[in-house]
N, C-alpha and C. Protein backbone atom coordinates (compact mmCIF):
# COMPACT_ATOMS: atom_id res chain seq x y z
N MET A 1 0.85 -1.19 0.00
CA MET A 1 0.00 0.00 0.00
C MET A 1 0.89 1.24 0.00
N SER A 2 0.64 2.15 -0.94
CA SER A 2 1.46 3.34 -1.05
C SER A 2 1.17 4.28 0.11
N GLU A 3 2.06 5.26 0.31
CA GLU A 3 1.90 6.23 1.37
C GLU A 3 0.64 7.08 1.17
N THR A 4 0.31 7.38 -0.09
CA THR A 4 -0.87 8.20 -0.38
C THR A 4 -2.15 7.47 0.00
N VAL A 5 -2.23 6.18 -0.42
CA VAL A 5 -3.42 5.39 -0.09
C VAL A 5 -3.54 5.21 1.42
N ARG A 6 -2.40 4.94 2.07
CA ARG A 6 -2.44 4.76 3.53
C ARG A 6 -2.91 6.03 4.22
N ALA A 7 -2.47 7.17 3.75
CA ALA A 7 -2.88 8.45 4.35
C ALA A 7 -4.37 8.68 4.17
N GLN A 8 -4.90 8.32 2.97
CA GLN A 8 -6.33 8.48 2.73
C GLN A 8 -7.16 7.59 3.64
N VAL A 9 -6.69 6.34 3.81
CA VAL A 9 -7.40 5.40 4.69
C VAL A 9 -7.41 5.90 6.12
N ILE A 10 -6.27 6.39 6.60
CA ILE A 10 -6.17 6.91 7.96
C ILE A 10 -7.07 8.13 8.13
N SER A 11 -7.05 9.02 7.12
CA SER A 11 -7.88 10.22 7.19
C SER A 11 -9.37 9.88 7.26
N LYS A 12 -9.79 8.90 6.42
CA LYS A 12 -11.19 8.48 6.41
C LYS A 12 -11.57 7.85 7.74
N SER A 13 -10.66 7.05 8.30
CA SER A 13 -10.94 6.41 9.59
C SER A 13 -11.09 7.45 10.70
N VAL A 14 -10.24 8.47 10.66
CA VAL A 14 -10.32 9.54 11.67
C VAL A 14 -11.63 10.30 11.54
N GLN A 15 -12.05 10.61 10.29
CA GLN A 15 -13.30 11.33 10.07
C GLN A 15 -14.49 10.52 10.58
N GLU A 16 -14.51 9.22 10.28
CA GLU A 16 -15.61 8.37 10.75
C GLU A 16 -15.63 8.31 12.26
N HIS A 17 -14.46 8.28 12.88
CA HIS A 17 -14.38 8.21 14.33
C HIS A 17 -14.96 9.47 14.95
N HIS A 18 -14.64 10.63 14.36
CA HIS A 18 -15.15 11.90 14.88
C HIS A 18 -16.66 11.99 14.69
N ILE A 19 -17.14 11.51 13.56
CA ILE A 19 -18.59 11.55 13.30
C ILE A 19 -19.33 10.72 14.33
N VAL A 20 -18.81 9.53 14.61
CA VAL A 20 -19.45 8.64 15.57
C VAL A 20 -19.49 9.29 16.96
N ARG A 21 -18.43 10.04 17.30
CA ARG A 21 -18.38 10.65 18.61
C ARG A 21 -19.24 11.90 18.69
N GLU A 22 -19.40 12.64 17.59
CA GLU A 22 -20.15 13.89 17.61
C GLU A 22 -21.65 13.67 17.66
N VAL A 23 -22.14 12.60 17.06
CA VAL A 23 -23.59 12.37 17.01
C VAL A 23 -24.19 12.22 18.40
N PRO A 24 -23.64 11.33 19.25
CA PRO A 24 -24.20 11.24 20.60
C PRO A 24 -24.08 12.54 21.37
N SER A 25 -22.96 13.28 21.18
CA SER A 25 -22.77 14.53 21.88
C SER A 25 -23.84 15.53 21.49
N GLY A 26 -24.11 15.68 20.19
CA GLY A 26 -25.14 16.60 19.72
C GLY A 26 -26.52 16.19 20.18
N GLU A 27 -26.78 14.88 20.15
CA GLU A 27 -28.08 14.38 20.60
C GLU A 27 -28.27 14.64 22.08
N ALA A 28 -27.22 14.42 22.86
CA ALA A 28 -27.30 14.66 24.30
C ALA A 28 -27.52 16.14 24.59
N ARG A 29 -26.86 17.01 23.83
CA ARG A 29 -27.03 18.44 24.03
C ARG A 29 -28.45 18.87 23.70
N ARG A 30 -28.99 18.30 22.63
CA ARG A 30 -30.36 18.65 22.24
C ARG A 30 -31.35 18.20 23.30
N ARG A 31 -31.17 17.00 23.80
CA ARG A 31 -32.07 16.50 24.85
C ARG A 31 -31.93 17.33 26.12
N GLY A 32 -30.71 17.76 26.42
CA GLY A 32 -30.49 18.57 27.62
C GLY A 32 -31.22 19.90 27.54
N ILE A 33 -31.15 20.56 26.38
CA ILE A 33 -31.85 21.83 26.20
C ILE A 33 -33.35 21.63 26.30
N LEU A 34 -33.86 20.57 25.68
CA LEU A 34 -35.30 20.30 25.73
C LEU A 34 -35.76 20.04 27.15
N TRP A 35 -35.01 19.24 27.90
CA TRP A 35 -35.38 18.95 29.28
C TRP A 35 -35.31 20.21 30.14
N LEU A 36 -34.37 21.09 29.86
CA LEU A 36 -34.27 22.35 30.60
C LEU A 36 -35.52 23.20 30.38
N ILE A 37 -35.94 23.33 29.11
CA ILE A 37 -37.12 24.13 28.80
C ILE A 37 -38.36 23.53 29.44
N LEU A 38 -38.53 22.21 29.31
CA LEU A 38 -39.70 21.56 29.88
C LEU A 38 -39.71 21.66 31.41
N THR A 39 -38.54 21.54 32.03
CA THR A 39 -38.46 21.63 33.49
C THR A 39 -38.86 23.01 33.98
N VAL A 40 -38.33 24.05 33.32
CA VAL A 40 -38.68 25.42 33.70
C VAL A 40 -40.17 25.67 33.53
N TYR A 41 -40.72 25.20 32.42
CA TYR A 41 -42.15 25.38 32.17
C TYR A 41 -43.00 24.69 33.24
N LEU A 42 -42.71 23.45 33.54
CA LEU A 42 -43.50 22.70 34.50
C LEU A 42 -43.32 23.24 35.92
N VAL A 43 -42.11 23.69 36.26
CA VAL A 43 -41.89 24.27 37.58
C VAL A 43 -42.69 25.57 37.74
N CYS A 44 -42.70 26.39 36.70
CA CYS A 44 -43.49 27.64 36.74
C CYS A 44 -44.98 27.32 36.89
N CYS A 45 -45.46 26.36 36.11
CA CYS A 45 -46.87 25.97 36.20
C CYS A 45 -47.21 25.42 37.59
N ALA A 46 -46.34 24.57 38.11
CA ALA A 46 -46.58 23.98 39.43
C ALA A 46 -46.58 25.05 40.52
N SER A 47 -45.67 26.01 40.40
CA SER A 47 -45.60 27.07 41.41
C SER A 47 -46.87 27.91 41.41
N LEU A 48 -47.32 28.32 40.22
CA LEU A 48 -48.55 29.09 40.13
C LEU A 48 -49.76 28.29 40.59
N ALA A 49 -49.80 27.01 40.23
CA ALA A 49 -50.93 26.16 40.62
C ALA A 49 -51.00 25.99 42.13
N ILE A 50 -49.86 25.80 42.78
CA ILE A 50 -49.84 25.63 44.23
C ILE A 50 -50.28 26.91 44.94
N ILE A 51 -49.78 28.06 44.45
CA ILE A 51 -50.17 29.34 45.04
C ILE A 51 -51.67 29.56 44.89
N SER A 52 -52.19 29.31 43.68
CA SER A 52 -53.62 29.47 43.43
C SER A 52 -54.44 28.52 44.29
N TYR A 53 -53.98 27.27 44.41
CA TYR A 53 -54.70 26.26 45.18
C TYR A 53 -54.78 26.63 46.66
N LEU A 54 -53.68 27.11 47.21
CA LEU A 54 -53.65 27.46 48.62
C LEU A 54 -54.45 28.71 48.92
N GLN A 55 -54.44 29.66 47.99
CA GLN A 55 -55.18 30.91 48.21
C GLN A 55 -56.66 30.79 47.86
N SER A 56 -57.08 29.66 47.32
CA SER A 56 -58.49 29.44 46.95
C SER A 56 -59.13 28.39 47.84
N ASP A 57 -58.67 28.32 49.11
CA ASP A 57 -59.22 27.39 50.08
C ASP A 57 -59.12 25.95 49.59
N ARG A 58 -57.99 25.67 48.94
CA ARG A 58 -57.68 24.32 48.45
C ARG A 58 -58.70 23.82 47.42
N HIS A 59 -59.00 24.70 46.48
CA HIS A 59 -59.86 24.35 45.36
C HIS A 59 -59.17 24.76 44.06
N VAL A 60 -59.48 24.05 43.00
CA VAL A 60 -58.97 24.43 41.68
C VAL A 60 -59.88 25.51 41.11
N ILE A 61 -59.35 26.70 40.96
CA ILE A 61 -60.14 27.83 40.49
C ILE A 61 -59.50 28.39 39.23
N TYR A 62 -60.29 28.52 38.18
CA TYR A 62 -59.83 29.17 36.95
C TYR A 62 -60.29 30.63 36.95
N PRO A 63 -59.47 31.54 36.42
CA PRO A 63 -59.79 32.97 36.53
C PRO A 63 -60.91 33.44 35.60
N LEU A 64 -61.24 32.68 34.57
CA LEU A 64 -62.26 33.11 33.60
C LEU A 64 -63.48 32.20 33.67
N ASP A 65 -64.66 32.80 33.55
CA ASP A 65 -65.87 32.00 33.57
C ASP A 65 -66.03 31.16 32.30
N ASP A 66 -65.34 31.55 31.24
CA ASP A 66 -65.40 30.79 29.99
C ASP A 66 -64.97 29.34 30.19
N ALA A 67 -63.97 29.14 31.05
CA ALA A 67 -63.48 27.79 31.29
C ALA A 67 -64.58 26.92 31.89
N TYR A 68 -65.38 27.48 32.77
CA TYR A 68 -66.46 26.71 33.39
C TYR A 68 -67.61 26.49 32.43
N ILE A 69 -67.85 27.45 31.54
CA ILE A 69 -68.87 27.25 30.51
C ILE A 69 -68.47 26.09 29.61
N HIS A 70 -67.20 26.05 29.21
CA HIS A 70 -66.70 24.96 28.38
C HIS A 70 -66.85 23.61 29.10
N MET A 71 -66.49 23.59 30.37
CA MET A 71 -66.57 22.33 31.12
C MET A 71 -68.01 21.88 31.30
N ASP A 72 -68.93 22.83 31.49
CA ASP A 72 -70.34 22.48 31.64
C ASP A 72 -70.90 21.92 30.34
N LEU A 73 -70.55 22.55 29.23
CA LEU A 73 -70.99 22.06 27.92
C LEU A 73 -70.43 20.66 27.66
N ALA A 74 -69.15 20.47 27.98
CA ALA A 74 -68.52 19.17 27.77
C ALA A 74 -69.15 18.10 28.66
N LYS A 75 -69.48 18.46 29.90
CA LYS A 75 -70.10 17.51 30.83
C LYS A 75 -71.46 17.05 30.29
N ASN A 76 -72.29 17.99 29.86
CA ASN A 76 -73.61 17.62 29.35
C ASN A 76 -73.51 16.84 28.04
N LEU A 77 -72.50 17.16 27.24
CA LEU A 77 -72.31 16.43 25.99
C LEU A 77 -71.87 15.00 26.28
N ALA A 78 -70.99 14.82 27.26
CA ALA A 78 -70.49 13.48 27.60
C ALA A 78 -71.55 12.64 28.31
N LYS A 79 -72.31 13.26 29.20
CA LYS A 79 -73.28 12.50 30.01
C LYS A 79 -74.64 12.33 29.33
N HIS A 80 -75.08 13.37 28.62
CA HIS A 80 -76.45 13.36 28.09
C HIS A 80 -76.51 13.50 26.57
N GLY A 81 -75.38 13.72 25.93
CA GLY A 81 -75.39 13.89 24.49
C GLY A 81 -76.01 15.20 24.04
N VAL A 82 -76.04 16.19 24.93
CA VAL A 82 -76.65 17.50 24.64
C VAL A 82 -75.57 18.56 24.69
N PHE A 83 -75.47 19.34 23.61
CA PHE A 83 -74.49 20.43 23.57
C PHE A 83 -75.17 21.68 24.14
N GLY A 84 -75.16 21.79 25.45
CA GLY A 84 -75.81 22.92 26.10
C GLY A 84 -75.38 23.05 27.54
N VAL A 85 -75.73 24.18 28.15
CA VAL A 85 -75.35 24.41 29.55
C VAL A 85 -76.24 23.62 30.50
N THR A 86 -77.36 23.10 29.99
CA THR A 86 -78.20 22.19 30.76
C THR A 86 -78.36 20.90 29.98
N ALA A 87 -78.89 19.88 30.65
CA ALA A 87 -79.06 18.58 30.02
C ALA A 87 -80.36 18.50 29.23
N TYR A 88 -81.10 19.60 29.14
CA TYR A 88 -82.44 19.55 28.55
C TYR A 88 -82.55 20.30 27.22
N GLU A 89 -81.57 21.13 26.89
CA GLU A 89 -81.70 21.94 25.68
C GLU A 89 -80.33 22.27 25.12
N SER A 90 -80.20 22.18 23.80
CA SER A 90 -78.95 22.54 23.15
C SER A 90 -78.85 24.06 23.02
N THR A 91 -77.71 24.58 23.36
CA THR A 91 -77.46 26.02 23.24
C THR A 91 -76.04 26.22 22.73
N TYR A 92 -75.92 26.96 21.64
CA TYR A 92 -74.59 27.26 21.10
C TYR A 92 -74.10 28.54 21.77
N CYS A 93 -73.30 28.37 22.81
CA CYS A 93 -72.86 29.54 23.58
C CYS A 93 -71.35 29.49 23.83
N ALA A 94 -70.62 28.85 22.94
CA ALA A 94 -69.18 28.73 23.12
C ALA A 94 -68.46 29.08 21.82
N SER A 95 -67.29 29.64 21.97
CA SER A 95 -66.49 30.01 20.80
C SER A 95 -65.44 28.97 20.45
N SER A 96 -65.41 27.86 21.20
CA SER A 96 -64.37 26.85 20.99
C SER A 96 -64.97 25.45 20.98
N PRO A 97 -65.76 25.11 19.96
CA PRO A 97 -66.44 23.81 19.96
C PRO A 97 -65.50 22.61 19.95
N LEU A 98 -64.38 22.69 19.24
CA LEU A 98 -63.48 21.54 19.20
C LEU A 98 -62.83 21.28 20.55
N TRP A 99 -62.55 22.33 21.29
CA TRP A 99 -62.02 22.18 22.64
C TRP A 99 -63.05 21.47 23.53
N ILE A 100 -64.31 21.84 23.36
CA ILE A 100 -65.39 21.21 24.14
C ILE A 100 -65.52 19.74 23.77
N PHE A 101 -65.43 19.42 22.48
CA PHE A 101 -65.50 18.02 22.05
C PHE A 101 -64.36 17.21 22.66
N LEU A 102 -63.18 17.81 22.73
CA LEU A 102 -62.03 17.13 23.32
C LEU A 102 -62.25 16.88 24.81
N LEU A 103 -62.75 17.89 25.52
CA LEU A 103 -63.06 17.72 26.93
C LEU A 103 -64.11 16.63 27.13
N ALA A 104 -65.16 16.67 26.29
CA ALA A 104 -66.24 15.68 26.41
C ALA A 104 -65.72 14.27 26.18
N ALA A 105 -64.83 14.10 25.22
CA ALA A 105 -64.26 12.78 24.95
C ALA A 105 -63.50 12.25 26.16
N ILE A 106 -62.75 13.13 26.81
CA ILE A 106 -62.00 12.71 27.99
C ILE A 106 -62.95 12.46 29.17
N TYR A 107 -63.96 13.32 29.32
CA TYR A 107 -64.93 13.12 30.40
C TYR A 107 -65.63 11.78 30.28
N SER A 108 -65.93 11.37 29.05
CA SER A 108 -66.65 10.11 28.85
C SER A 108 -65.81 8.90 29.25
N VAL A 109 -64.49 9.08 29.32
CA VAL A 109 -63.59 7.99 29.70
C VAL A 109 -63.18 8.08 31.17
N SER A 110 -62.76 9.28 31.57
CA SER A 110 -62.20 9.45 32.92
C SER A 110 -63.19 10.00 33.92
N GLY A 111 -64.32 10.51 33.46
CA GLY A 111 -65.25 11.18 34.36
C GLY A 111 -65.00 12.68 34.37
N VAL A 112 -65.97 13.42 34.86
CA VAL A 112 -65.88 14.88 34.88
C VAL A 112 -64.94 15.32 36.01
N SER A 113 -63.99 16.18 35.67
CA SER A 113 -63.04 16.68 36.65
C SER A 113 -62.52 18.05 36.21
N VAL A 114 -62.35 18.94 37.17
CA VAL A 114 -61.82 20.28 36.86
C VAL A 114 -60.34 20.22 36.49
N TRP A 115 -59.69 19.09 36.79
CA TRP A 115 -58.26 18.96 36.51
C TRP A 115 -57.99 18.68 35.03
N VAL A 116 -59.00 18.26 34.28
CA VAL A 116 -58.77 17.87 32.89
C VAL A 116 -58.29 19.04 32.05
N SER A 117 -58.92 20.21 32.21
CA SER A 117 -58.51 21.39 31.43
C SER A 117 -57.06 21.77 31.72
N LEU A 118 -56.68 21.71 32.98
CA LEU A 118 -55.30 22.01 33.35
C LEU A 118 -54.34 20.99 32.76
N ALA A 119 -54.69 19.71 32.84
CA ALA A 119 -53.82 18.66 32.30
C ALA A 119 -53.63 18.81 30.79
N LEU A 120 -54.70 19.12 30.08
CA LEU A 120 -54.60 19.32 28.64
C LEU A 120 -53.70 20.49 28.31
N ASN A 121 -53.81 21.55 29.08
CA ASN A 121 -52.95 22.71 28.85
C ASN A 121 -51.49 22.40 29.11
N LEU A 122 -51.23 21.61 30.14
CA LEU A 122 -49.84 21.23 30.43
C LEU A 122 -49.26 20.38 29.30
N VAL A 123 -50.05 19.45 28.80
CA VAL A 123 -49.60 18.62 27.68
C VAL A 123 -49.35 19.48 26.44
N ALA A 124 -50.27 20.40 26.17
CA ALA A 124 -50.10 21.28 25.01
C ALA A 124 -48.88 22.18 25.17
N GLY A 125 -48.65 22.68 26.39
CA GLY A 125 -47.47 23.52 26.62
C GLY A 125 -46.17 22.76 26.42
N CYS A 126 -46.13 21.52 26.90
CA CYS A 126 -44.93 20.69 26.68
C CYS A 126 -44.73 20.40 25.20
N ALA A 127 -45.83 20.14 24.50
CA ALA A 127 -45.73 19.88 23.06
C ALA A 127 -45.23 21.11 22.32
N LEU A 128 -45.71 22.29 22.72
CA LEU A 128 -45.26 23.53 22.08
C LEU A 128 -43.78 23.77 22.33
N SER A 129 -43.33 23.55 23.56
CA SER A 129 -41.92 23.74 23.88
C SER A 129 -41.04 22.78 23.09
N ALA A 130 -41.45 21.51 23.03
CA ALA A 130 -40.67 20.52 22.29
C ALA A 130 -40.66 20.84 20.80
N MET A 131 -41.80 21.26 20.27
CA MET A 131 -41.89 21.59 18.85
C MET A 131 -40.99 22.77 18.50
N THR A 132 -41.00 23.78 19.36
CA THR A 132 -40.17 24.97 19.12
C THR A 132 -38.69 24.63 19.15
N ALA A 133 -38.29 23.86 20.16
CA ALA A 133 -36.88 23.48 20.28
C ALA A 133 -36.43 22.64 19.09
N GLU A 134 -37.25 21.68 18.69
CA GLU A 134 -36.90 20.82 17.57
C GLU A 134 -36.81 21.61 16.28
N LEU A 135 -37.72 22.56 16.08
CA LEU A 135 -37.70 23.38 14.87
C LEU A 135 -36.44 24.23 14.80
N LEU A 136 -36.07 24.84 15.91
CA LEU A 136 -34.86 25.68 15.93
C LEU A 136 -33.61 24.86 15.68
N ILE A 137 -33.54 23.67 16.29
CA ILE A 137 -32.36 22.83 16.09
C ILE A 137 -32.25 22.38 14.64
N ARG A 138 -33.38 22.01 14.04
CA ARG A 138 -33.35 21.58 12.64
C ARG A 138 -32.95 22.71 11.71
N ARG A 139 -33.23 23.95 12.12
CA ARG A 139 -32.86 25.11 11.31
C ARG A 139 -31.44 25.56 11.57
N GLY A 140 -30.71 24.83 12.42
CA GLY A 140 -29.30 25.13 12.63
C GLY A 140 -29.01 26.06 13.78
N ALA A 141 -30.00 26.33 14.64
CA ALA A 141 -29.77 27.21 15.78
C ALA A 141 -28.87 26.51 16.80
N SER A 142 -28.07 27.30 17.47
CA SER A 142 -27.19 26.73 18.49
C SER A 142 -27.99 26.37 19.73
N SER A 143 -27.36 25.63 20.61
CA SER A 143 -28.03 25.24 21.85
C SER A 143 -28.39 26.45 22.69
N GLY A 144 -27.48 27.44 22.70
CA GLY A 144 -27.74 28.65 23.47
C GLY A 144 -28.95 29.42 22.96
N VAL A 145 -29.02 29.57 21.64
CA VAL A 145 -30.15 30.28 21.04
C VAL A 145 -31.45 29.52 21.27
N THR A 146 -31.40 28.20 21.10
CA THR A 146 -32.59 27.37 21.32
C THR A 146 -33.09 27.49 22.75
N GLY A 147 -32.17 27.41 23.70
CA GLY A 147 -32.56 27.54 25.10
C GLY A 147 -33.11 28.91 25.42
N PHE A 148 -32.48 29.96 24.87
CA PHE A 148 -32.95 31.33 25.14
C PHE A 148 -34.35 31.55 24.58
N VAL A 149 -34.58 31.11 23.34
CA VAL A 149 -35.90 31.29 22.73
C VAL A 149 -36.96 30.50 23.48
N GLY A 150 -36.63 29.26 23.86
CA GLY A 150 -37.59 28.44 24.60
C GLY A 150 -37.97 29.06 25.94
N LEU A 151 -36.97 29.55 26.67
CA LEU A 151 -37.25 30.16 27.97
C LEU A 151 -37.97 31.50 27.81
N ALA A 152 -37.57 32.27 26.79
CA ALA A 152 -38.24 33.56 26.54
C ALA A 152 -39.70 33.34 26.17
N MET A 153 -39.98 32.28 25.42
CA MET A 153 -41.36 31.99 25.05
C MET A 153 -42.20 31.69 26.28
N ILE A 154 -41.63 30.96 27.24
CA ILE A 154 -42.35 30.64 28.47
C ILE A 154 -42.69 31.91 29.24
N VAL A 155 -41.72 32.84 29.30
CA VAL A 155 -41.89 34.05 30.10
C VAL A 155 -42.77 35.08 29.39
N PHE A 156 -42.40 35.43 28.15
CA PHE A 156 -43.06 36.55 27.47
C PHE A 156 -44.38 36.15 26.81
N ALA A 157 -44.55 34.87 26.49
CA ALA A 157 -45.84 34.41 25.98
C ALA A 157 -46.76 33.96 27.10
N ALA A 158 -46.26 34.01 28.34
CA ALA A 158 -47.05 33.69 29.53
C ALA A 158 -47.70 32.31 29.43
N LEU A 159 -46.92 31.32 28.99
CA LEU A 159 -47.47 29.98 28.85
C LEU A 159 -48.00 29.39 30.17
N PRO A 160 -47.29 29.56 31.28
CA PRO A 160 -47.85 29.04 32.53
C PRO A 160 -49.19 29.68 32.91
N THR A 161 -49.31 30.99 32.67
CA THR A 161 -50.57 31.67 32.97
C THR A 161 -51.69 31.17 32.08
N MET A 162 -51.39 30.94 30.81
CA MET A 162 -52.40 30.40 29.90
C MET A 162 -52.81 28.99 30.32
N ALA A 163 -51.86 28.21 30.80
CA ALA A 163 -52.19 26.85 31.23
C ALA A 163 -53.17 26.87 32.40
N LEU A 164 -52.97 27.81 33.33
CA LEU A 164 -53.85 27.87 34.50
C LEU A 164 -55.16 28.59 34.22
N SER A 165 -55.34 29.08 33.00
CA SER A 165 -56.62 29.71 32.65
C SER A 165 -57.68 28.65 32.33
N GLY A 166 -57.23 27.42 32.03
CA GLY A 166 -58.18 26.36 31.70
C GLY A 166 -58.82 26.52 30.35
N MET A 167 -58.27 27.40 29.53
CA MET A 167 -58.85 27.68 28.21
C MET A 167 -58.07 26.93 27.13
N GLU A 168 -58.48 27.16 25.89
CA GLU A 168 -57.93 26.42 24.76
C GLU A 168 -56.74 27.09 24.10
N HIS A 169 -56.27 28.22 24.65
CA HIS A 169 -55.29 29.04 23.94
C HIS A 169 -53.96 28.31 23.67
N THR A 170 -53.49 27.54 24.65
CA THR A 170 -52.22 26.85 24.45
C THR A 170 -52.31 25.83 23.31
N LEU A 171 -53.40 25.09 23.28
CA LEU A 171 -53.59 24.12 22.20
C LEU A 171 -53.74 24.83 20.86
N HIS A 172 -54.39 25.98 20.88
CA HIS A 172 -54.56 26.75 19.64
C HIS A 172 -53.21 27.18 19.08
N ILE A 173 -52.29 27.57 19.98
CA ILE A 173 -50.94 27.96 19.53
C ILE A 173 -50.21 26.76 18.93
N VAL A 174 -50.35 25.60 19.57
CA VAL A 174 -49.70 24.39 19.05
C VAL A 174 -50.17 24.09 17.64
N VAL A 175 -51.49 24.13 17.43
CA VAL A 175 -52.04 23.82 16.11
C VAL A 175 -51.62 24.87 15.10
N ALA A 176 -51.61 26.15 15.51
CA ALA A 176 -51.23 27.22 14.59
C ALA A 176 -49.76 27.09 14.17
N VAL A 177 -48.88 26.79 15.14
CA VAL A 177 -47.46 26.61 14.82
C VAL A 177 -47.26 25.40 13.92
N ALA A 178 -47.97 24.31 14.21
CA ALA A 178 -47.87 23.12 13.38
C ALA A 178 -48.31 23.42 11.95
N PHE A 179 -49.36 24.21 11.80
CA PHE A 179 -49.83 24.57 10.47
C PHE A 179 -48.80 25.41 9.72
N VAL A 180 -48.20 26.38 10.42
CA VAL A 180 -47.20 27.23 9.78
C VAL A 180 -46.00 26.40 9.34
N VAL A 181 -45.55 25.48 10.21
CA VAL A 181 -44.41 24.63 9.85
C VAL A 181 -44.75 23.75 8.66
N LEU A 182 -45.95 23.17 8.66
CA LEU A 182 -46.37 22.33 7.55
C LEU A 182 -46.46 23.13 6.26
N ALA A 183 -47.03 24.32 6.33
CA ALA A 183 -47.15 25.16 5.14
C ALA A 183 -45.78 25.55 4.60
N ALA A 184 -44.83 25.87 5.50
CA ALA A 184 -43.48 26.23 5.07
C ALA A 184 -42.79 25.06 4.39
N GLN A 185 -42.96 23.86 4.94
CA GLN A 185 -42.35 22.69 4.32
C GLN A 185 -42.93 22.42 2.94
N ILE A 186 -44.23 22.61 2.82
CA ILE A 186 -44.87 22.38 1.53
C ILE A 186 -44.39 23.40 0.49
N LEU A 187 -44.25 24.65 0.92
CA LEU A 187 -43.76 25.68 0.00
C LEU A 187 -42.32 25.41 -0.41
N GLU A 188 -41.51 24.91 0.53
CA GLU A 188 -40.12 24.61 0.21
C GLU A 188 -40.01 23.42 -0.74
N GLU A 189 -40.79 22.39 -0.46
CA GLU A 189 -40.70 21.17 -1.25
C GLU A 189 -41.65 21.16 -2.44
N ARG A 190 -42.59 22.12 -2.43
CA ARG A 190 -43.57 22.26 -3.52
C ARG A 190 -44.32 20.96 -3.76
N LYS A 191 -44.89 20.43 -2.68
CA LYS A 191 -45.67 19.20 -2.79
C LYS A 191 -47.14 19.55 -2.97
N ALA A 192 -47.56 19.63 -4.18
CA ALA A 192 -48.94 19.98 -4.46
C ALA A 192 -49.92 18.91 -4.00
N THR A 193 -49.44 17.68 -3.85
CA THR A 193 -50.34 16.59 -3.46
C THR A 193 -50.83 16.72 -2.02
N THR A 194 -50.20 17.59 -1.23
CA THR A 194 -50.59 17.72 0.17
C THR A 194 -51.51 18.91 0.39
N ARG A 195 -52.06 19.49 -0.67
CA ARG A 195 -52.92 20.66 -0.49
C ARG A 195 -54.17 20.33 0.30
N TRP A 196 -54.64 19.07 0.22
CA TRP A 196 -55.83 18.70 0.99
C TRP A 196 -55.53 18.66 2.48
N ALA A 197 -54.28 18.38 2.84
CA ALA A 197 -53.91 18.43 4.26
C ALA A 197 -53.99 19.86 4.77
N ASN A 198 -53.60 20.82 3.94
CA ASN A 198 -53.72 22.23 4.31
C ASN A 198 -55.16 22.62 4.52
N ILE A 199 -56.01 22.19 3.59
CA ILE A 199 -57.43 22.54 3.68
C ILE A 199 -58.04 21.94 4.94
N ALA A 200 -57.62 20.74 5.31
CA ALA A 200 -58.18 20.08 6.48
C ALA A 200 -57.75 20.75 7.77
N ILE A 201 -56.52 21.25 7.83
CA ILE A 201 -56.02 21.80 9.08
C ILE A 201 -56.28 23.30 9.21
N LEU A 202 -56.60 23.97 8.11
CA LEU A 202 -56.79 25.42 8.15
C LEU A 202 -57.86 25.86 9.13
N PRO A 203 -59.03 25.22 9.20
CA PRO A 203 -60.04 25.68 10.16
C PRO A 203 -59.56 25.62 11.61
N LEU A 204 -58.62 24.73 11.91
CA LEU A 204 -58.15 24.60 13.29
C LEU A 204 -57.34 25.81 13.73
N THR A 205 -56.83 26.60 12.79
CA THR A 205 -56.01 27.74 13.15
C THR A 205 -56.84 29.00 13.30
N CYS A 206 -58.12 28.92 13.03
CA CYS A 206 -58.98 30.09 13.16
C CYS A 206 -59.30 30.35 14.63
N ARG A 207 -59.64 31.57 14.92
CA ARG A 207 -59.98 31.93 16.28
C ARG A 207 -61.40 32.47 16.30
N SER A 208 -61.98 32.53 17.45
CA SER A 208 -63.31 33.03 17.77
C SER A 208 -64.38 32.03 17.37
N ALA A 209 -65.43 32.43 16.66
CA ALA A 209 -66.63 31.60 16.55
C ALA A 209 -66.39 30.29 15.86
N ASP A 210 -65.47 30.22 14.93
CA ASP A 210 -65.23 28.97 14.22
C ASP A 210 -63.88 28.40 14.61
N ALA A 211 -63.55 28.52 15.88
CA ALA A 211 -62.22 28.15 16.32
C ALA A 211 -62.20 26.95 17.22
N LEU A 212 -60.97 26.72 17.76
CA LEU A 212 -60.83 25.72 18.81
C LEU A 212 -61.68 26.14 19.99
């Protein structure tokens, strides 16, 4: 084997060795940033929930009456099959029918509980944090930038406060971000065959009367 061939083989072996070592390191760093964001989010939510629980005579209290209207509609839909604030008459008095359907589906399995709205918001908040971190990393953002954006989103978008409102806003943000990401990918790849997926998800990003 000539010196040139031997040098090429050694160089290729060194490159492969570095690649093998860098992949776990990058993956570990990505997971570390994600866990940091999720931990901060959940700690903030837990802190606010404990303070609210203790100051409300140990009851789960949501600050807006809309949350209770949604839960009442979902309860009657799950128990009596009636979309209304009572079990005797249907009344369209909510701006978030899909959120109510989701609550009703869970109520029909787990039973009616004031904790369901909070749990759904926590799940949606974690999904939003993970989605944001993954999107930034795929776009080449550094770990520092990803962590800063994730933490800033928790603070300045008031995600913990939205979670404790018992409303659909956190889930609405998740669906809206997912739609924007999907639309951007379609525009980049120019996949005309997925236009029906856009049409199907578009109503979910609307707000107010025809919204979540």
